[in-house]
N, C-alpha and C. Protein backbone atom coordinates (compact mmCIF):
# COMPACT_ATOMS: atom_id res chain seq x y z
N MET A 1 153.71 82.00 50.14
CA MET A 1 152.91 81.73 48.94
C MET A 1 152.29 80.33 49.01
N GLY A 2 153.09 79.34 49.55
CA GLY A 2 152.59 77.99 49.67
C GLY A 2 151.37 77.90 50.58
N VAL A 3 151.36 78.74 51.64
CA VAL A 3 150.23 78.74 52.58
C VAL A 3 148.95 79.17 51.87
N TYR A 4 149.05 80.22 51.04
CA TYR A 4 147.89 80.73 50.31
C TYR A 4 147.35 79.69 49.33
N ILE A 5 148.27 78.98 48.70
CA ILE A 5 147.85 77.93 47.76
C ILE A 5 147.12 76.83 48.51
N PHE A 6 147.68 76.45 49.67
CA PHE A 6 147.05 75.40 50.48
C PHE A 6 145.65 75.82 50.93
N LEU A 7 145.52 77.08 51.41
CA LEU A 7 144.22 77.58 51.84
C LEU A 7 143.22 77.62 50.69
N GLY A 8 143.72 78.00 49.51
CA GLY A 8 142.84 78.05 48.34
C GLY A 8 142.31 76.68 47.98
N ILE A 9 143.20 75.66 48.05
CA ILE A 9 142.77 74.29 47.74
C ILE A 9 141.74 73.81 48.76
N MET A 10 142.00 74.11 50.04
CA MET A 10 141.10 73.69 51.10
C MET A 10 139.71 74.32 50.93
N LEU A 11 139.68 75.62 50.62
CA LEU A 11 138.41 76.31 50.43
C LEU A 11 137.66 75.74 49.23
N THR A 12 138.41 75.45 48.16
CA THR A 12 137.79 74.88 46.96
C THR A 12 137.13 73.55 47.26
N LEU A 13 137.74 72.77 48.16
CA LEU A 13 137.18 71.47 48.52
C LEU A 13 136.07 71.57 49.56
N LEU A 14 136.21 72.49 50.50
CA LEU A 14 135.29 72.57 51.62
C LEU A 14 133.97 73.28 51.27
N VAL A 15 134.06 74.37 50.50
CA VAL A 15 132.85 75.16 50.21
C VAL A 15 131.78 74.32 49.52
N PRO A 16 132.10 73.56 48.43
CA PRO A 16 131.06 72.71 47.82
C PRO A 16 130.49 71.69 48.81
N SER A 17 131.37 71.11 49.67
CA SER A 17 130.91 70.12 50.63
C SER A 17 129.93 70.74 51.62
N LEU A 18 130.25 71.94 52.09
CA LEU A 18 129.36 72.63 53.02
C LEU A 18 128.02 72.96 52.38
N LEU A 19 128.06 73.40 51.13
CA LEU A 19 126.82 73.73 50.43
C LEU A 19 125.95 72.49 50.24
N ILE A 20 126.60 71.38 49.89
CA ILE A 20 125.85 70.13 49.68
C ILE A 20 125.19 69.69 50.99
N SER A 21 125.95 69.75 52.09
CA SER A 21 125.39 69.34 53.38
C SER A 21 124.26 70.26 53.81
N LEU A 22 124.42 71.56 53.50
CA LEU A 22 123.37 72.51 53.85
C LEU A 22 122.09 72.22 53.08
N VAL A 23 122.21 71.99 51.78
CA VAL A 23 121.05 71.70 50.95
C VAL A 23 120.40 70.39 51.36
N ALA A 24 121.23 69.42 51.78
CA ALA A 24 120.70 68.11 52.18
C ALA A 24 119.80 68.22 53.40
N ASP A 25 120.05 69.21 54.26
CA ASP A 25 119.26 69.37 55.47
C ASP A 25 117.99 70.19 55.23
N LEU A 26 117.85 70.76 54.05
CA LEU A 26 116.68 71.58 53.76
C LEU A 26 115.48 70.73 53.38
N THR A 27 114.33 71.15 53.85
CA THR A 27 113.08 70.51 53.40
C THR A 27 112.66 71.17 52.10
N TRP A 28 111.68 70.52 51.43
CA TRP A 28 111.25 71.05 50.14
C TRP A 28 110.70 72.46 50.24
N TRP A 29 109.95 72.71 51.32
CA TRP A 29 109.37 74.06 51.41
C TRP A 29 110.43 75.11 51.68
N LYS A 30 111.51 74.73 52.40
CA LYS A 30 112.61 75.67 52.62
C LYS A 30 113.36 75.94 51.32
N ILE A 31 113.53 74.90 50.52
CA ILE A 31 114.20 75.09 49.22
C ILE A 31 113.36 76.00 48.33
N THR A 32 112.04 75.76 48.32
CA THR A 32 111.14 76.61 47.52
C THR A 32 111.21 78.06 47.97
N LEU A 33 111.22 78.25 49.29
CA LEU A 33 111.30 79.61 49.82
C LEU A 33 112.63 80.27 49.45
N LEU A 34 113.72 79.51 49.55
CA LEU A 34 115.04 80.03 49.21
C LEU A 34 115.11 80.43 47.74
N VAL A 35 114.59 79.58 46.86
CA VAL A 35 114.58 79.90 45.42
C VAL A 35 113.76 81.14 45.15
N ALA A 36 112.61 81.26 45.83
CA ALA A 36 111.75 82.43 45.64
C ALA A 36 112.45 83.71 46.06
N VAL A 37 113.18 83.64 47.20
CA VAL A 37 113.91 84.82 47.67
C VAL A 37 115.00 85.22 46.67
N VAL A 38 115.73 84.20 46.19
CA VAL A 38 116.80 84.47 45.21
C VAL A 38 116.23 85.11 43.94
N LEU A 39 115.09 84.59 43.47
CA LEU A 39 114.47 85.14 42.26
C LEU A 39 113.99 86.56 42.48
N LEU A 40 113.40 86.81 43.66
CA LEU A 40 112.91 88.16 43.96
C LEU A 40 114.06 89.16 44.04
N VAL A 41 115.13 88.78 44.74
CA VAL A 41 116.28 89.68 44.86
C VAL A 41 116.92 89.91 43.50
N GLY A 42 117.13 88.82 42.75
CA GLY A 42 117.71 88.96 41.41
C GLY A 42 116.83 89.78 40.49
N GLY A 43 115.52 89.54 40.58
CA GLY A 43 114.59 90.29 39.74
C GLY A 43 114.58 91.76 40.07
N TYR A 44 114.70 92.09 41.37
CA TYR A 44 114.74 93.50 41.77
C TYR A 44 115.93 94.21 41.14
N PHE A 45 117.12 93.61 41.26
CA PHE A 45 118.32 94.25 40.71
C PHE A 45 118.26 94.31 39.19
N PHE A 46 117.62 93.31 38.56
CA PHE A 46 117.51 93.33 37.10
C PHE A 46 116.63 94.48 36.63
N VAL A 47 115.43 94.59 37.21
CA VAL A 47 114.50 95.62 36.73
C VAL A 47 114.95 97.02 37.13
N SER A 48 115.64 97.14 38.27
CA SER A 48 116.08 98.47 38.69
C SER A 48 117.15 99.01 37.74
N ASP A 49 117.88 98.10 37.08
CA ASP A 49 118.90 98.52 36.12
C ASP A 49 118.40 98.45 34.68
N SER A 50 117.14 98.08 34.49
CA SER A 50 116.61 97.91 33.15
C SER A 50 116.01 99.20 32.64
N GLU A 51 116.52 99.69 31.54
CA GLU A 51 116.00 100.93 30.97
C GLU A 51 114.57 100.75 30.48
N THR A 52 114.25 99.56 29.98
CA THR A 52 112.89 99.28 29.53
C THR A 52 111.91 99.36 30.70
N PHE A 53 112.29 98.76 31.82
CA PHE A 53 111.44 98.81 33.00
C PHE A 53 111.25 100.25 33.48
N GLN A 54 112.34 101.01 33.53
CA GLN A 54 112.25 102.39 33.97
C GLN A 54 111.32 103.20 33.07
N THR A 55 111.39 102.94 31.77
CA THR A 55 110.52 103.66 30.83
C THR A 55 109.06 103.31 31.05
N LEU A 56 108.77 102.02 31.22
CA LEU A 56 107.40 101.59 31.46
C LEU A 56 106.86 102.18 32.77
N TYR A 57 107.70 102.16 33.80
CA TYR A 57 107.29 102.72 35.08
C TYR A 57 107.01 104.21 34.94
N TRP A 58 107.85 104.91 34.20
CA TRP A 58 107.68 106.36 34.02
C TRP A 58 106.35 106.66 33.34
N ARG A 59 106.04 105.91 32.30
CA ARG A 59 104.78 106.13 31.58
C ARG A 59 103.58 105.88 32.49
N TRP A 60 103.73 104.93 33.40
CA TRP A 60 102.62 104.61 34.30
C TRP A 60 102.49 105.65 35.41
N ALA A 61 103.63 106.14 35.93
CA ALA A 61 103.62 106.97 37.13
C ALA A 61 103.40 108.45 36.86
N VAL A 62 103.66 108.90 35.65
CA VAL A 62 103.58 110.33 35.34
C VAL A 62 102.44 110.59 34.36
N PRO A 63 101.65 111.65 34.60
CA PRO A 63 100.56 111.98 33.67
C PRO A 63 101.07 112.25 32.26
N ALA A 64 100.16 112.25 31.30
CA ALA A 64 100.53 112.52 29.91
C ALA A 64 101.21 113.89 29.80
N VAL A 65 102.23 113.96 28.96
CA VAL A 65 103.00 115.19 28.82
C VAL A 65 102.62 115.91 27.53
N PRO A 66 102.84 117.22 27.48
CA PRO A 66 102.54 117.97 26.25
C PRO A 66 103.39 117.50 25.07
N ARG A 67 102.91 117.79 23.87
CA ARG A 67 103.62 117.32 22.68
C ARG A 67 105.00 117.93 22.53
N ASP A 68 105.14 119.21 22.91
CA ASP A 68 106.46 119.82 22.77
C ASP A 68 107.46 119.21 23.75
N GLU A 69 106.99 118.78 24.92
CA GLU A 69 107.88 118.09 25.85
C GLU A 69 108.26 116.72 25.30
N THR A 70 107.28 116.03 24.70
CA THR A 70 107.56 114.71 24.10
C THR A 70 108.62 114.84 23.00
N ALA A 71 108.51 115.89 22.18
CA ALA A 71 109.48 116.12 21.10
C ALA A 71 110.87 116.38 21.69
N PHE A 72 110.91 117.19 22.74
CA PHE A 72 112.20 117.49 23.38
C PHE A 72 112.82 116.24 23.96
N ILE A 73 112.01 115.44 24.66
CA ILE A 73 112.51 114.20 25.27
C ILE A 73 113.07 113.26 24.21
N GLY A 74 112.38 113.16 23.07
CA GLY A 74 112.83 112.26 22.01
C GLY A 74 114.24 112.59 21.53
N VAL A 75 114.50 113.88 21.30
CA VAL A 75 115.82 114.30 20.82
C VAL A 75 116.84 114.22 21.94
N ALA A 76 116.44 114.65 23.15
CA ALA A 76 117.38 114.63 24.28
C ALA A 76 117.80 113.22 24.63
N ASP A 77 116.87 112.27 24.55
CA ASP A 77 117.21 110.87 24.86
C ASP A 77 118.13 110.29 23.79
N GLU A 78 117.94 110.72 22.56
CA GLU A 78 118.85 110.30 21.48
C GLU A 78 120.25 110.84 21.74
N LEU A 79 120.32 112.10 22.19
CA LEU A 79 121.61 112.69 22.54
C LEU A 79 122.28 111.91 23.67
N ARG A 80 121.49 111.55 24.68
CA ARG A 80 122.03 110.77 25.80
C ARG A 80 122.61 109.45 25.33
N ALA A 81 121.88 108.76 24.45
CA ALA A 81 122.35 107.46 23.95
C ALA A 81 123.64 107.61 23.16
N LEU A 82 123.74 108.63 22.33
CA LEU A 82 124.95 108.85 21.54
C LEU A 82 126.13 109.20 22.43
N ARG A 83 125.89 110.01 23.45
CA ARG A 83 126.98 110.36 24.36
C ARG A 83 127.43 109.15 25.16
N ALA A 84 126.50 108.26 25.47
CA ALA A 84 126.86 107.06 26.23
C ALA A 84 127.83 106.19 25.45
N GLU A 85 127.75 106.25 24.13
CA GLU A 85 128.68 105.50 23.27
C GLU A 85 129.99 106.24 23.08
N ALA A 86 130.06 107.45 23.67
CA ALA A 86 131.27 108.28 23.62
C ALA A 86 131.66 108.67 22.20
N ALA A 87 130.70 108.55 21.26
CA ALA A 87 130.93 108.98 19.87
C ALA A 87 132.29 108.50 19.36
N SER A 88 132.52 107.19 19.46
CA SER A 88 133.84 106.63 19.16
C SER A 88 134.12 106.48 17.67
N SER A 89 133.11 106.53 16.83
CA SER A 89 133.34 106.37 15.40
C SER A 89 132.95 107.64 14.65
N THR A 90 133.38 107.74 13.40
CA THR A 90 133.07 108.91 12.59
C THR A 90 131.56 109.04 12.40
N ASP A 91 130.89 107.92 12.15
CA ASP A 91 129.43 107.96 11.97
C ASP A 91 128.74 108.47 13.23
N GLN A 92 129.23 108.05 14.38
CA GLN A 92 128.64 108.52 15.64
C GLN A 92 128.88 110.01 15.84
N GLN A 93 130.06 110.47 15.44
CA GLN A 93 130.36 111.90 15.54
C GLN A 93 129.39 112.71 14.70
N VAL A 94 129.13 112.25 13.49
CA VAL A 94 128.19 112.94 12.60
C VAL A 94 126.79 112.92 13.20
N ALA A 95 126.37 111.75 13.68
CA ALA A 95 125.04 111.62 14.29
C ALA A 95 124.91 112.51 15.51
N LEU A 96 125.98 112.62 16.29
CA LEU A 96 125.95 113.46 17.48
C LEU A 96 125.80 114.93 17.10
N ARG A 97 126.53 115.39 16.10
CA ARG A 97 126.42 116.79 15.65
C ARG A 97 125.01 117.07 15.12
N GLN A 98 124.46 116.13 14.37
CA GLN A 98 123.11 116.31 13.83
C GLN A 98 122.08 116.36 14.96
N THR A 99 122.26 115.53 15.98
CA THR A 99 121.33 115.53 17.11
C THR A 99 121.46 116.82 17.91
N ASP A 100 122.68 117.31 18.10
CA ASP A 100 122.88 118.61 18.74
C ASP A 100 122.11 119.70 18.01
N ALA A 101 122.23 119.70 16.69
CA ALA A 101 121.57 120.73 15.88
C ALA A 101 120.05 120.64 16.00
N ARG A 102 119.51 119.43 15.99
CA ARG A 102 118.06 119.25 16.13
C ARG A 102 117.59 119.74 17.49
N LEU A 103 118.37 119.45 18.53
CA LEU A 103 118.01 119.88 19.87
C LEU A 103 118.02 121.40 19.99
N CYS A 104 119.04 122.02 19.41
CA CYS A 104 119.17 123.47 19.49
C CYS A 104 118.09 124.19 18.69
N ALA A 105 117.50 123.51 17.69
CA ALA A 105 116.46 124.12 16.86
C ALA A 105 115.09 124.09 17.53
N LEU A 106 114.95 123.31 18.61
CA LEU A 106 113.67 123.23 19.30
C LEU A 106 113.42 124.51 20.10
N PRO A 107 112.15 124.87 20.31
CA PRO A 107 111.83 126.06 21.13
C PRO A 107 112.40 125.91 22.54
N THR A 108 112.83 127.02 23.10
CA THR A 108 113.39 126.99 24.45
C THR A 108 112.37 127.36 25.52
N ASP A 109 111.19 127.81 25.10
CA ASP A 109 110.13 128.10 26.07
C ASP A 109 109.46 126.81 26.51
N VAL A 110 109.30 126.66 27.80
CA VAL A 110 108.67 125.48 28.39
C VAL A 110 107.33 125.90 28.96
N ASP A 111 106.27 125.21 28.54
CA ASP A 111 104.93 125.57 29.00
C ASP A 111 104.18 124.34 29.50
N ASN A 112 103.97 124.28 30.80
CA ASN A 112 103.15 123.24 31.40
C ASN A 112 103.73 121.83 31.20
N TRP A 113 105.04 121.70 31.26
CA TRP A 113 105.68 120.40 31.17
C TRP A 113 105.45 119.62 32.47
N VAL A 114 105.67 118.31 32.39
CA VAL A 114 105.42 117.43 33.53
C VAL A 114 106.71 116.68 33.89
N GLY A 115 106.95 116.51 35.18
CA GLY A 115 108.11 115.75 35.62
C GLY A 115 107.98 115.38 37.08
N ARG A 116 109.05 114.78 37.61
CA ARG A 116 109.09 114.38 39.02
C ARG A 116 110.28 115.05 39.70
N VAL A 117 110.07 115.54 40.90
CA VAL A 117 111.14 116.20 41.65
C VAL A 117 112.20 115.15 42.01
N GLU A 118 113.43 115.41 41.58
CA GLU A 118 114.53 114.52 41.95
C GLU A 118 115.35 115.08 43.10
N GLN A 119 115.43 116.40 43.15
CA GLN A 119 116.19 117.02 44.24
C GLN A 119 115.71 118.45 44.43
N ARG A 120 115.60 118.84 45.69
CA ARG A 120 115.27 120.22 46.03
C ARG A 120 115.94 120.56 47.34
N TYR A 121 116.71 121.62 47.34
CA TYR A 121 117.31 122.02 48.61
C TYR A 121 117.52 123.53 48.63
N SER A 122 117.47 124.08 49.84
CA SER A 122 117.71 125.51 50.03
C SER A 122 119.18 125.74 50.36
N LEU A 123 119.75 126.75 49.77
CA LEU A 123 121.17 127.05 50.01
C LEU A 123 121.36 127.54 51.44
N SER A 124 122.45 127.12 52.04
CA SER A 124 122.74 127.53 53.42
C SER A 124 122.99 129.03 53.52
N THR A 125 123.34 129.66 52.40
CA THR A 125 123.57 131.10 52.39
C THR A 125 122.27 131.90 52.45
N GLY A 126 121.13 131.21 52.23
CA GLY A 126 119.84 131.89 52.26
C GLY A 126 119.50 132.60 50.97
N GLU A 127 120.31 132.39 49.92
CA GLU A 127 120.06 133.09 48.65
C GLU A 127 118.86 132.54 47.89
N GLY A 128 118.58 131.27 48.07
CA GLY A 128 117.48 130.69 47.32
C GLY A 128 117.48 129.18 47.38
N ALA A 129 116.81 128.57 46.38
CA ALA A 129 116.68 127.11 46.34
C ALA A 129 117.10 126.59 44.98
N SER A 130 117.67 125.38 44.99
CA SER A 130 118.02 124.68 43.76
C SER A 130 117.00 123.57 43.54
N LEU A 131 116.61 123.35 42.29
CA LEU A 131 115.57 122.38 41.98
C LEU A 131 115.99 121.54 40.78
N THR A 132 115.83 120.23 40.89
CA THR A 132 116.09 119.31 39.78
C THR A 132 114.85 118.47 39.54
N ILE A 133 114.38 118.45 38.29
CA ILE A 133 113.17 117.72 37.93
C ILE A 133 113.50 116.73 36.83
N GLY A 134 113.15 115.46 37.04
CA GLY A 134 113.31 114.45 36.01
C GLY A 134 112.16 114.53 35.02
N ILE A 135 112.49 114.55 33.73
CA ILE A 135 111.45 114.57 32.70
C ILE A 135 111.36 113.24 31.96
N TRP A 136 112.32 112.37 32.23
CA TRP A 136 112.37 111.04 31.60
C TRP A 136 113.49 110.29 32.30
N PRO A 137 113.49 108.97 32.28
CA PRO A 137 114.61 108.26 32.91
C PRO A 137 115.96 108.77 32.40
N ARG A 138 116.79 109.24 33.34
CA ARG A 138 118.15 109.71 33.06
C ARG A 138 118.19 111.04 32.29
N LEU A 139 117.09 111.80 32.32
CA LEU A 139 117.06 113.13 31.75
C LEU A 139 116.45 114.09 32.77
N VAL A 140 117.13 115.20 33.03
CA VAL A 140 116.60 116.17 34.00
C VAL A 140 116.73 117.59 33.47
N VAL A 141 115.85 118.45 34.00
CA VAL A 141 116.03 119.90 33.88
C VAL A 141 116.27 120.40 35.29
N ARG A 142 117.11 121.42 35.41
CA ARG A 142 117.46 121.86 36.76
C ARG A 142 117.90 123.32 36.77
N THR A 143 117.95 123.87 37.97
CA THR A 143 118.55 125.18 38.16
C THR A 143 120.05 124.99 38.38
N ALA A 144 120.75 126.11 38.48
CA ALA A 144 122.14 126.04 38.94
C ALA A 144 122.15 125.59 40.40
N LEU A 145 123.28 125.09 40.84
CA LEU A 145 123.41 124.62 42.22
C LEU A 145 123.70 125.76 43.19
N PHE A 146 124.03 126.92 42.63
CA PHE A 146 124.31 128.10 43.46
C PHE A 146 124.06 129.33 42.59
N ALA A 147 124.08 130.49 43.20
CA ALA A 147 123.83 131.73 42.45
C ALA A 147 124.95 131.95 41.44
N ASP A 148 124.58 132.08 40.17
CA ASP A 148 125.56 132.33 39.13
C ASP A 148 124.93 133.20 38.05
N ASN A 149 125.66 133.38 36.94
CA ASN A 149 125.17 134.30 35.90
C ASN A 149 124.09 133.71 35.02
N THR A 150 123.69 132.45 35.24
CA THR A 150 122.57 131.89 34.47
C THR A 150 121.23 132.41 34.98
N GLY A 151 121.20 132.88 36.23
CA GLY A 151 119.97 133.40 36.80
C GLY A 151 118.90 132.35 37.01
N THR A 152 119.30 131.09 37.13
CA THR A 152 118.31 130.01 37.26
C THR A 152 117.97 129.68 38.71
N LEU A 153 118.83 130.04 39.65
CA LEU A 153 118.55 129.75 41.05
C LEU A 153 117.23 130.43 41.46
N ILE A 154 116.39 129.69 42.18
CA ILE A 154 115.10 130.23 42.61
C ILE A 154 115.31 131.11 43.83
N ARG A 155 115.12 132.40 43.66
CA ARG A 155 115.48 133.37 44.68
C ARG A 155 114.58 133.31 45.90
N ALA A 156 115.21 133.45 47.08
CA ALA A 156 114.46 133.47 48.33
C ALA A 156 113.54 134.69 48.37
N GLY A 157 112.38 134.52 49.01
CA GLY A 157 111.46 135.63 49.17
C GLY A 157 110.46 135.79 48.04
N THR A 158 110.60 134.99 46.97
CA THR A 158 109.66 135.07 45.85
C THR A 158 108.53 134.06 46.05
N PRO A 159 107.37 134.28 45.41
CA PRO A 159 106.28 133.29 45.50
C PRO A 159 106.71 131.91 45.01
N LEU A 160 107.57 131.88 43.98
CA LEU A 160 108.03 130.60 43.46
C LEU A 160 108.86 129.86 44.50
N PHE A 161 109.67 130.59 45.25
CA PHE A 161 110.49 129.97 46.30
C PHE A 161 109.60 129.32 47.35
N ALA A 162 108.51 130.01 47.72
CA ALA A 162 107.59 129.46 48.72
C ALA A 162 106.95 128.17 48.22
N THR A 163 106.58 128.14 46.94
CA THR A 163 105.98 126.92 46.36
C THR A 163 106.99 125.78 46.33
N VAL A 164 108.18 126.07 45.84
CA VAL A 164 109.22 125.04 45.71
C VAL A 164 109.65 124.49 47.07
N SER A 165 109.62 125.33 48.09
CA SER A 165 110.05 124.90 49.42
C SER A 165 109.16 123.81 49.98
N ASP A 166 107.93 123.70 49.49
CA ASP A 166 107.00 122.67 49.96
C ASP A 166 107.11 121.36 49.20
N LEU A 167 107.93 121.33 48.15
CA LEU A 167 108.05 120.11 47.34
C LEU A 167 108.96 119.09 48.00
N ARG A 168 108.69 117.81 47.70
CA ARG A 168 109.49 116.72 48.21
C ARG A 168 109.94 115.83 47.05
N THR A 169 111.02 115.10 47.25
CA THR A 169 111.51 114.18 46.23
C THR A 169 110.41 113.18 45.86
N GLY A 170 110.20 113.02 44.54
CA GLY A 170 109.18 112.11 44.05
C GLY A 170 107.87 112.79 43.70
N ASP A 171 107.67 114.04 44.13
CA ASP A 171 106.44 114.76 43.78
C ASP A 171 106.34 114.95 42.27
N VAL A 172 105.15 114.73 41.73
CA VAL A 172 104.90 115.01 40.32
C VAL A 172 104.49 116.48 40.20
N VAL A 173 105.11 117.19 39.26
CA VAL A 173 104.85 118.63 39.12
C VAL A 173 104.63 119.00 37.66
N ARG A 174 103.91 120.09 37.48
CA ARG A 174 103.85 120.78 36.19
C ARG A 174 104.64 122.07 36.33
N PHE A 175 105.37 122.43 35.28
CA PHE A 175 106.23 123.60 35.40
C PHE A 175 106.36 124.32 34.06
N SER A 176 106.68 125.59 34.16
CA SER A 176 106.92 126.42 32.97
C SER A 176 108.20 127.21 33.20
N GLY A 177 108.81 127.66 32.10
CA GLY A 177 110.03 128.43 32.22
C GLY A 177 110.74 128.57 30.88
N HIS A 178 112.05 128.68 30.95
CA HIS A 178 112.84 128.92 29.74
C HIS A 178 114.17 128.17 29.85
N ILE A 179 114.46 127.34 28.84
CA ILE A 179 115.72 126.59 28.82
C ILE A 179 116.86 127.54 28.45
N VAL A 180 117.88 127.57 29.31
CA VAL A 180 119.02 128.47 29.05
C VAL A 180 120.32 127.69 28.83
N GLY A 181 120.25 126.37 28.91
CA GLY A 181 121.46 125.58 28.69
C GLY A 181 121.12 124.16 28.30
N HIS A 182 121.74 123.67 27.22
CA HIS A 182 121.50 122.32 26.70
C HIS A 182 122.68 121.40 26.98
N ASP A 183 123.33 121.59 28.13
CA ASP A 183 124.45 120.74 28.54
C ASP A 183 125.58 120.74 27.51
N GLY A 184 125.85 121.93 26.97
CA GLY A 184 126.96 122.08 26.04
C GLY A 184 126.67 121.68 24.62
N ALA A 185 125.41 121.37 24.30
CA ALA A 185 125.08 120.95 22.94
C ALA A 185 124.93 122.13 21.98
N CYS A 186 124.64 123.32 22.51
CA CYS A 186 124.35 124.47 21.66
C CYS A 186 125.41 125.57 21.83
N PRO A 187 125.63 126.37 20.79
CA PRO A 187 126.69 127.39 20.83
C PRO A 187 126.55 128.39 21.97
N ASP A 188 125.31 128.75 22.35
CA ASP A 188 125.10 129.76 23.39
C ASP A 188 125.02 129.19 24.80
N ASP A 189 125.25 127.89 24.95
CA ASP A 189 125.18 127.28 26.28
C ASP A 189 126.29 127.79 27.19
N PRO A 190 126.02 127.83 28.50
CA PRO A 190 127.11 128.10 29.44
C PRO A 190 128.21 127.04 29.27
N ALA A 191 129.45 127.47 29.43
CA ALA A 191 130.58 126.55 29.23
C ALA A 191 130.56 125.42 30.24
N ILE A 192 130.87 124.21 29.77
CA ILE A 192 131.02 123.05 30.66
C ILE A 192 132.31 122.33 30.30
N ALA A 193 132.83 121.56 31.25
CA ALA A 193 134.05 120.79 31.01
C ALA A 193 133.75 119.67 30.02
N PRO A 194 134.71 119.32 29.14
CA PRO A 194 134.48 118.27 28.14
C PRO A 194 134.01 116.95 28.74
N ASN A 195 134.55 116.56 29.91
CA ASN A 195 134.16 115.27 30.49
C ASN A 195 132.72 115.27 30.99
N GLU A 196 132.13 116.48 31.21
CA GLU A 196 130.75 116.54 31.66
C GLU A 196 129.78 116.10 30.57
N LYS A 197 130.23 116.17 29.32
CA LYS A 197 129.37 115.73 28.22
C LYS A 197 129.19 114.21 28.19
N LEU A 198 129.99 113.50 28.96
CA LEU A 198 129.87 112.05 29.00
C LEU A 198 128.83 111.60 30.02
N ARG A 199 128.32 112.54 30.83
CA ARG A 199 127.26 112.20 31.77
C ARG A 199 125.90 112.26 31.07
N ASP A 200 124.86 111.80 31.77
CA ASP A 200 123.51 111.98 31.25
C ASP A 200 123.21 113.47 31.18
N PRO A 201 122.56 113.92 30.10
CA PRO A 201 122.35 115.37 29.93
C PRO A 201 121.51 115.99 31.05
N GLU A 202 121.92 117.18 31.46
CA GLU A 202 121.18 117.98 32.43
C GLU A 202 120.95 119.35 31.82
N PHE A 203 119.70 119.73 31.66
CA PHE A 203 119.36 120.97 30.96
C PHE A 203 119.01 122.07 31.96
N LEU A 204 119.69 123.20 31.84
CA LEU A 204 119.45 124.32 32.74
C LEU A 204 118.14 125.01 32.38
N LEU A 205 117.31 125.24 33.39
CA LEU A 205 116.00 125.84 33.17
C LEU A 205 115.79 126.99 34.14
N ARG A 206 115.31 128.11 33.62
CA ARG A 206 114.90 129.23 34.46
C ARG A 206 113.41 129.08 34.73
N PHE A 207 113.07 128.58 35.90
CA PHE A 207 111.67 128.28 36.23
C PHE A 207 110.87 129.57 36.43
N GLU A 208 109.64 129.55 35.91
CA GLU A 208 108.71 130.66 36.13
C GLU A 208 107.51 130.23 36.96
N LYS A 209 107.13 128.96 36.84
CA LYS A 209 105.97 128.45 37.58
C LYS A 209 106.17 126.96 37.85
N VAL A 210 105.84 126.52 39.05
CA VAL A 210 105.87 125.10 39.40
C VAL A 210 104.64 124.82 40.26
N THR A 211 103.87 123.81 39.86
CA THR A 211 102.70 123.42 40.66
C THR A 211 102.71 121.91 40.85
N LYS A 212 102.32 121.48 42.04
CA LYS A 212 102.28 120.07 42.34
C LYS A 212 101.11 119.42 41.64
N GLU A 213 101.35 118.23 41.09
CA GLU A 213 100.35 117.51 40.32
C GLU A 213 100.09 116.16 40.97
N ALA A 214 98.85 115.68 40.89
CA ALA A 214 98.53 114.36 41.43
C ALA A 214 99.14 113.29 40.55
N ALA A 215 99.84 112.32 41.17
CA ALA A 215 100.42 111.20 40.42
C ALA A 215 99.32 110.22 40.07
N HIS A 216 99.62 109.30 39.12
CA HIS A 216 98.67 108.26 38.75
C HIS A 216 98.42 107.34 39.94
């Protein structure tokens, strides 16, 4: 234990001395460059974790969305925020139930919505393809990850499968279909584990049409 204490004291004394000597050898332009690099790196990590930045980037990068999609996003994002707080108080519980009800009252038909491909892959079994599309920062609509009773997996051999197979992550798309699951928010949703409700919401969608769209 005494050795560790001694090493700790030595490091405490040596590290500041080394930093001072290092800075003393730097010229002004090297210091300026170092500060600029630190600011750039720090700024990158700040904006990448900033919800405001992500929202601004989304508005810039994705074409205008239909009004019904905007309405859905508004309620779904409210649901995400309430779930992030884990509904720890009675007021939050009430607000969460009210938001669930508002979400479930929205139409489930999706017509010409806009989003960005977050994930697309073909199943190794050859049954079809799974597709995940972001509609807003931390909100996605997706198929099932494998063939199940939701019928959302995009079946191999269909025209839709051929279209989806050409998509890449980051592609902007327009799509239509039918929402079959609100991540456990609605009574008729497919069953999910209670802890899954603490994640960002993922809405199950049975895709009928997907077309690639030019980004801004």
